[in-house]
């Protein structure tokens, strides 16, 4: 399985989040370290160590 992520570099740090979980950011001193931190973050979210509170929904409206 592959997960998309978004990152940017700020000074000496790579900061990023998983695209499916944008509320949670992590960082690493290298891109490789950031990717490891993102994997760990995903594991924590999936095991409910870090609860992911956002619950998207849909409603019908009339135009």
PDB file of N, CA and C in Angstrom:
ATOM      1  N   UNK A   1       0.842  -1.173   0.000  1.00  0.00           N
ATOM      2  CA  UNK A   1       0.000   0.000   0.000  1.00  0.00           C
ATOM      3  C   UNK A   1       0.891   1.242   0.000  1.00  0.00           C
ATOM      4  N   UNK A   2       0.465   2.242  -0.718  1.00  0.00           N
ATOM      5  CA  UNK A   2       1.184   3.509  -0.747  1.00  0.00           C
ATOM      6  C   UNK A   2       0.283   4.605  -0.212  1.00  0.00           C
ATOM      7  N   UNK A   3       0.873   5.522   0.525  1.00  0.00           N
ATOM      8  CA  UNK A   3       0.159   6.686   1.044  1.00  0.00           C
ATOM      9  C   UNK A   3       0.822   7.941   0.497  1.00  0.00           C
ATOM     10  N   UNK A   4       0.017   8.888   0.082  1.00  0.00           N
ATOM     11  CA  UNK A   4       0.561  10.158  -0.385  1.00  0.00           C
ATOM     12  C   UNK A   4       0.871  11.069   0.787  1.00  0.00           C
ATOM     13  N   UNK A   5       1.879  11.902   0.622  1.00  0.00           N
ATOM     14  CA  UNK A   5       2.190  12.885   1.644  1.00  0.00           C
ATOM     15  C   UNK A   5       2.642  14.183   0.993  1.00  0.00           C
ATOM     16  N   UNK A   6       2.567  15.240   1.762  1.00  0.00           N
ATOM     17  CA  UNK A   6       2.982  16.562   1.328  1.00  0.00           C
ATOM     18  C   UNK A   6       4.031  17.056   2.311  1.00  0.00           C
ATOM     19  N   UNK A   7       5.085  17.678   1.797  1.00  0.00           N
ATOM     20  CA  UNK A   7       6.132  18.170   2.698  1.00  0.00           C
ATOM     21  C   UNK A   7       6.730  19.460   2.157  1.00  0.00           C
ATOM     22  N   UNK A   8       7.402  20.142   3.028  1.00  0.00           N
ATOM     23  CA  UNK A   8       8.200  21.301   2.649  1.00  0.00           C
ATOM     24  C   UNK A   8       9.431  21.334   3.539  1.00  0.00           C
ATOM     25  N   UNK A   9      10.417  22.068   3.109  1.00  0.00           N
ATOM     26  CA  UNK A   9      11.627  22.192   3.912  1.00  0.00           C
ATOM     27  C   UNK A   9      11.646  23.571   4.547  1.00  0.00           C
ATOM     28  N   UNK A  10      11.846  23.598   5.849  1.00  0.00           N
ATOM     29  CA  UNK A  10      11.969  24.841   6.590  1.00  0.00           C
ATOM     30  C   UNK A  10      13.292  24.796   7.349  1.00  0.00           C
ATOM     31  N   UNK A  11      14.186  25.655   6.945  1.00  0.00           N
ATOM     32  CA  UNK A  11      15.543  25.670   7.487  1.00  0.00           C
ATOM     33  C   UNK A  11      16.133  24.260   7.381  1.00  0.00           C
ATOM     34  N   UNK A  12      16.508  23.634   8.491  1.00  0.00           N
ATOM     35  CA  UNK A  12      17.150  22.314   8.423  1.00  0.00           C
ATOM     36  C   UNK A  12      16.154  21.164   8.552  1.00  0.00           C
ATOM     37  N   UNK A  13      14.854  21.450   8.531  1.00  0.00           N
ATOM     38  CA  UNK A  13      13.851  20.416   8.778  1.00  0.00           C
ATOM     39  C   UNK A  13      12.962  20.181   7.565  1.00  0.00           C
ATOM     40  N   UNK A  14      12.571  18.931   7.378  1.00  0.00           N
ATOM     41  CA  UNK A  14      11.537  18.559   6.426  1.00  0.00           C
ATOM     42  C   UNK A  14      10.263  18.347   7.244  1.00  0.00           C
ATOM     43  N   UNK A  15       9.219  19.057   6.911  1.00  0.00           N
ATOM     44  CA  UNK A  15       7.965  19.009   7.652  1.00  0.00           C
ATOM     45  C   UNK A  15       6.887  18.502   6.707  1.00  0.00           C
ATOM     46  N   UNK A  16       6.095  17.544   7.177  1.00  0.00           N
ATOM     47  CA  UNK A  16       5.099  16.993   6.278  1.00  0.00           C
ATOM     48  C   UNK A  16       3.914  16.375   6.994  1.00  0.00           C
ATOM     49  N   UNK A  17       2.923  16.010   6.193  1.00  0.00           N
ATOM     50  CA  UNK A  17       1.746  15.317   6.697  1.00  0.00           C
ATOM     51  C   UNK A  17       1.270  14.312   5.658  1.00  0.00           C
ATOM     52  N   UNK A  18       0.566  13.303   6.110  1.00  0.00           N
ATOM     53  CA  UNK A  18      -0.068  12.359   5.205  1.00  0.00           C
ATOM     54  C   UNK A  18      -1.272  13.052   4.582  1.00  0.00           C
ATOM     55  N   UNK A  19      -1.452  12.914   3.284  1.00  0.00           N
ATOM     56  CA  UNK A  19      -2.533  13.634   2.611  1.00  0.00           C
ATOM     57  C   UNK A  19      -3.905  13.262   3.157  1.00  0.00           C
ATOM     58  N   UNK A  20      -4.083  12.025   3.593  1.00  0.00           N
ATOM     59  CA  UNK A  20      -5.362  11.599   4.154  1.00  0.00           C
ATOM     60  C   UNK A  20      -5.564  12.090   5.588  1.00  0.00           C
ATOM     61  N   UNK A  21      -4.522  12.569   6.222  1.00  0.00           N
ATOM     62  CA  UNK A  21      -4.575  13.020   7.623  1.00  0.00           C
ATOM     63  C   UNK A  21      -3.845  14.352   7.780  1.00  0.00           C
ATOM     64  N   UNK A  22      -4.340  15.409   7.145  1.00  0.00           N
ATOM     65  CA  UNK A  22      -3.593  16.677   7.141  1.00  0.00           C
ATOM     66  C   UNK A  22      -3.524  17.382   8.491  1.00  0.00           C
ATOM     67  N   UNK A  23      -4.329  16.946   9.455  1.00  0.00           N
ATOM     68  CA  UNK A  23      -4.324  17.597  10.767  1.00  0.00           C
ATOM     69  C   UNK A  23      -3.073  17.277  11.571  1.00  0.00           C
ATOM     70  N   UNK A  24      -2.331  16.246  11.182  1.00  0.00           N
ATOM     71  CA  UNK A  24      -1.185  15.798  11.959  1.00  0.00           C
ATOM     72  C   UNK A  24       0.088  15.953  11.144  1.00  0.00           C
ATOM     73  N   UNK A  25       0.981  16.811  11.606  1.00  0.00           N
ATOM     74  CA  UNK A  25       2.262  17.010  10.945  1.00  0.00           C
ATOM     75  C   UNK A  25       3.367  16.357  11.756  1.00  0.00           C
ATOM     76  N   UNK A  26       4.446  16.045  11.069  1.00  0.00           N
ATOM     77  CA  UNK A  26       5.640  15.535  11.731  1.00  0.00           C
ATOM     78  C   UNK A  26       6.847  16.100  11.002  1.00  0.00           C
ATOM     79  N   UNK A  27       8.029  15.811  11.488  1.00  0.00           N
ATOM     80  CA  UNK A  27       9.226  16.388  10.883  1.00  0.00           C
ATOM     81  C   UNK A  27      10.402  15.435  10.966  1.00  0.00           C
ATOM     82  N   UNK A  28      11.383  15.708  10.139  1.00  0.00           N
ATOM     83  CA  UNK A  28      12.624  14.948  10.159  1.00  0.00           C
ATOM     84  C   UNK A  28      13.755  15.819   9.645  1.00  0.00           C
ATOM     85  N   UNK A  29      14.976  15.457  10.007  1.00  0.00           N
ATOM     86  CA  UNK A  29      16.125  16.235   9.541  1.00  0.00           C
ATOM     87  C   UNK A  29      16.521  15.880   8.117  1.00  0.00           C
ATOM     88  N   UNK A  30      16.053  14.732   7.628  1.00  0.00           N
ATOM     89  CA  UNK A  30      16.253  14.343   6.236  1.00  0.00           C
ATOM     90  C   UNK A  30      14.901  13.892   5.695  1.00  0.00           C
ATOM     91  N   UNK A  31      14.791  13.809   4.379  1.00  0.00           N
ATOM     92  CA  UNK A  31      13.553  13.331   3.777  1.00  0.00           C
ATOM     93  C   UNK A  31      13.285  11.883   4.182  1.00  0.00           C
ATOM     94  N   UNK A  32      14.331  11.087   4.284  1.00  0.00           N
ATOM     95  CA  UNK A  32      14.184   9.694   4.698  1.00  0.00           C
ATOM     96  C   UNK A  32      13.653   9.606   6.136  1.00  0.00           C
ATOM     97  N   UNK A  33      14.185  10.456   7.016  1.00  0.00           N
ATOM     98  CA  UNK A  33      13.709  10.470   8.397  1.00  0.00           C
ATOM     99  C   UNK A  33      12.252  10.920   8.458  1.00  0.00           C
ATOM    100  N   UNK A  34      11.880  11.914   7.661  1.00  0.00           N
ATOM    101  CA  UNK A  34      10.494  12.351   7.610  1.00  0.00           C
ATOM    102  C   UNK A  34       9.591  11.203   7.179  1.00  0.00           C
ATOM    103  N   UNK A  35      10.000  10.451   6.164  1.00  0.00           N
ATOM    104  CA  UNK A  35       9.190   9.325   5.708  1.00  0.00           C
ATOM    105  C   UNK A  35       9.023   8.277   6.811  1.00  0.00           C
ATOM    106  N   UNK A  36      10.056   8.020   7.581  1.00  0.00           N
ATOM    107  CA  UNK A  36       9.941   7.090   8.709  1.00  0.00           C
ATOM    108  C   UNK A  36       8.981   7.624   9.767  1.00  0.00           C
ATOM    109  N   UNK A  37       9.056   8.915  10.028  1.00  0.00           N
ATOM    110  CA  UNK A  37       8.157   9.527  10.996  1.00  0.00           C
ATOM    111  C   UNK A  37       6.708   9.479  10.505  1.00  0.00           C
ATOM    112  N   UNK A  38       6.495   9.648   9.200  1.00  0.00           N
ATOM    113  CA  UNK A  38       5.145   9.561   8.637  1.00  0.00           C
ATOM    114  C   UNK A  38       4.591   8.143   8.751  1.00  0.00           C
ATOM    115  N   UNK A  39       5.448   7.144   8.552  1.00  0.00           N
ATOM    116  CA  UNK A  39       5.015   5.752   8.728  1.00  0.00           C
ATOM    117  C   UNK A  39       4.612   5.495  10.173  1.00  0.00           C
ATOM    118  N   UNK A  40       5.402   6.009  11.102  1.00  0.00           N
ATOM    119  CA  UNK A  40       5.095   5.859  12.518  1.00  0.00           C
ATOM    120  C   UNK A  40       3.788   6.573  12.870  1.00  0.00           C
ATOM    121  N   UNK A  41       3.599   7.754  12.319  1.00  0.00           N
ATOM    122  CA  UNK A  41       2.369   8.504  12.541  1.00  0.00           C
ATOM    123  C   UNK A  41       1.168   7.720  12.033  1.00  0.00           C
ATOM    124  N   UNK A  42       1.287   7.139  10.857  1.00  0.00           N
ATOM    125  CA  UNK A  42       0.194   6.336  10.299  1.00  0.00           C
ATOM    126  C   UNK A  42      -0.132   5.154  11.218  1.00  0.00           C
ATOM    127  N   UNK A  43       0.890   4.475  11.692  1.00  0.00           N
ATOM    128  CA  UNK A  43       0.670   3.354  12.615  1.00  0.00           C
ATOM    129  C   UNK A  43      -0.055   3.819  13.873  1.00  0.00           C
ATOM    130  N   UNK A  44       0.340   4.976  14.408  1.00  0.00           N
ATOM    131  CA  UNK A  44      -0.304   5.505  15.612  1.00  0.00           C
ATOM    132  C   UNK A  44      -1.764   5.859  15.361  1.00  0.00           C
ATOM    133  N   UNK A  45      -2.058   6.439  14.211  1.00  0.00           N
ATOM    134  CA  UNK A  45      -3.447   6.778  13.878  1.00  0.00           C
ATOM    135  C   UNK A  45      -4.273   5.511  13.731  1.00  0.00           C
ATOM    136  N   UNK A  46      -3.764   4.527  13.021  1.00  0.00           N
ATOM    137  CA  UNK A  46      -4.515   3.297  12.776  1.00  0.00           C
ATOM    138  C   UNK A  46      -4.703   2.466  14.043  1.00  0.00           C
ATOM    139  N   UNK A  47      -3.809   2.571  15.006  1.00  0.00           N
ATOM    140  CA  UNK A  47      -3.944   1.810  16.251  1.00  0.00           C
ATOM    141  C   UNK A  47      -4.689   2.605  17.319  1.00  0.00           C
ATOM    142  N   UNK A  48      -5.183   3.796  16.957  1.00  0.00           N
ATOM    143  CA  UNK A  48      -5.894   4.694  17.869  1.00  0.00           C
ATOM    144  C   UNK A  48      -5.014   5.217  19.006  1.00  0.00           C
ATOM    145  N   UNK A  49      -3.696   5.091  18.882  1.00  0.00           N
ATOM    146  CA  UNK A  49      -2.804   5.742  19.835  1.00  0.00           C
ATOM    147  C   UNK A  49      -3.001   7.253  19.736  1.00  0.00           C
ATOM    148  N   UNK A  50      -3.150   7.728  18.503  1.00  0.00           N
ATOM    149  CA  UNK A  50      -3.523   9.115  18.240  1.00  0.00           C
ATOM    150  C   UNK A  50      -4.896   9.050  17.583  1.00  0.00           C
ATOM    151  N   UNK A  51      -5.944   9.455  18.281  1.00  0.00           N
ATOM    152  CA  UNK A  51      -7.273   9.373  17.667  1.00  0.00           C
ATOM    153  C   UNK A  51      -7.425  10.405  16.555  1.00  0.00           C
ATOM    154  N   UNK A  52      -7.946   9.965  15.442  1.00  0.00           N
ATOM    155  CA  UNK A  52      -8.222  10.887  14.347  1.00  0.00           C
ATOM    156  C   UNK A  52      -9.678  11.289  14.474  1.00  0.00           C
ATOM    157  N   UNK A  53      -9.921  12.519  14.843  1.00  0.00           N
ATOM    158  CA  UNK A  53     -11.244  12.969  15.235  1.00  0.00           C
ATOM    159  C   UNK A  53     -12.091  13.411  14.045  1.00  0.00           C
ATOM    160  N   UNK A  54     -11.502  13.891  12.996  1.00  0.00           N
ATOM    161  CA  UNK A  54     -12.272  14.411  11.865  1.00  0.00           C
ATOM    162  C   UNK A  54     -13.061  13.288  11.212  1.00  0.00           C
ATOM    163  N   UNK A  55     -14.363  13.516  11.031  1.00  0.00           N
ATOM    164  CA  UNK A  55     -15.233  12.545  10.381  1.00  0.00           C
ATOM    165  C   UNK A  55     -15.957  13.247   9.239  1.00  0.00           C
ATOM    166  N   UNK A  56     -15.523  13.045   8.011  1.00  0.00           N
ATOM    167  CA  UNK A  56     -16.182  13.717   6.894  1.00  0.00           C
ATOM    168  C   UNK A  56     -17.565  13.125   6.639  1.00  0.00           C
ATOM    169  N   UNK A  57     -18.445  13.948   6.141  1.00  0.00           N
ATOM    170  CA  UNK A  57     -19.791  13.497   5.788  1.00  0.00           C
ATOM    171  C   UNK A  57     -20.297  14.253   4.593  1.00  0.00           C
ATOM    172  N   UNK A  58     -21.478  13.874   4.106  1.00  0.00           N
ATOM    173  CA  UNK A  58     -22.089  14.546   2.958  1.00  0.00           C
ATOM    174  C   UNK A  58     -23.561  14.788   3.287  1.00  0.00           C
ATOM    175  N   UNK A  59     -24.055  15.897   2.785  1.00  0.00           N
ATOM    176  CA  UNK A  59     -25.473  16.191   2.913  1.00  0.00           C
ATOM    177  C   UNK A  59     -26.003  16.579   1.538  1.00  0.00           C
ATOM    178  N   UNK A  60     -27.284  16.441   1.347  1.00  0.00           N
ATOM    179  CA  UNK A  60     -27.911  16.862   0.099  1.00  0.00           C
ATOM    180  C   UNK A  60     -28.539  18.225   0.331  1.00  0.00           C
ATOM    181  N   UNK A  61     -28.325  19.108  -0.632  1.00  0.00           N
ATOM    182  CA  UNK A  61     -28.921  20.442  -0.582  1.00  0.00           C
ATOM    183  C   UNK A  61     -29.584  20.723  -1.919  1.00  0.00           C
ATOM    184  N   UNK A  62     -30.522  21.617  -1.909  1.00  0.00           N
ATOM    185  CA  UNK A  62     -31.148  22.021  -3.162  1.00  0.00           C
ATOM    186  C   UNK A  62     -30.540  23.333  -3.619  1.00  0.00           C
ATOM    187  N   UNK A  63     -30.373  23.435  -4.913  1.00  0.00           N
ATOM    188  CA  UNK A  63     -29.733  24.630  -5.469  1.00  0.00           C
ATOM    189  C   UNK A  63     -30.698  25.780  -5.594  1.00  0.00           C
TER     190      UNK A  63
END
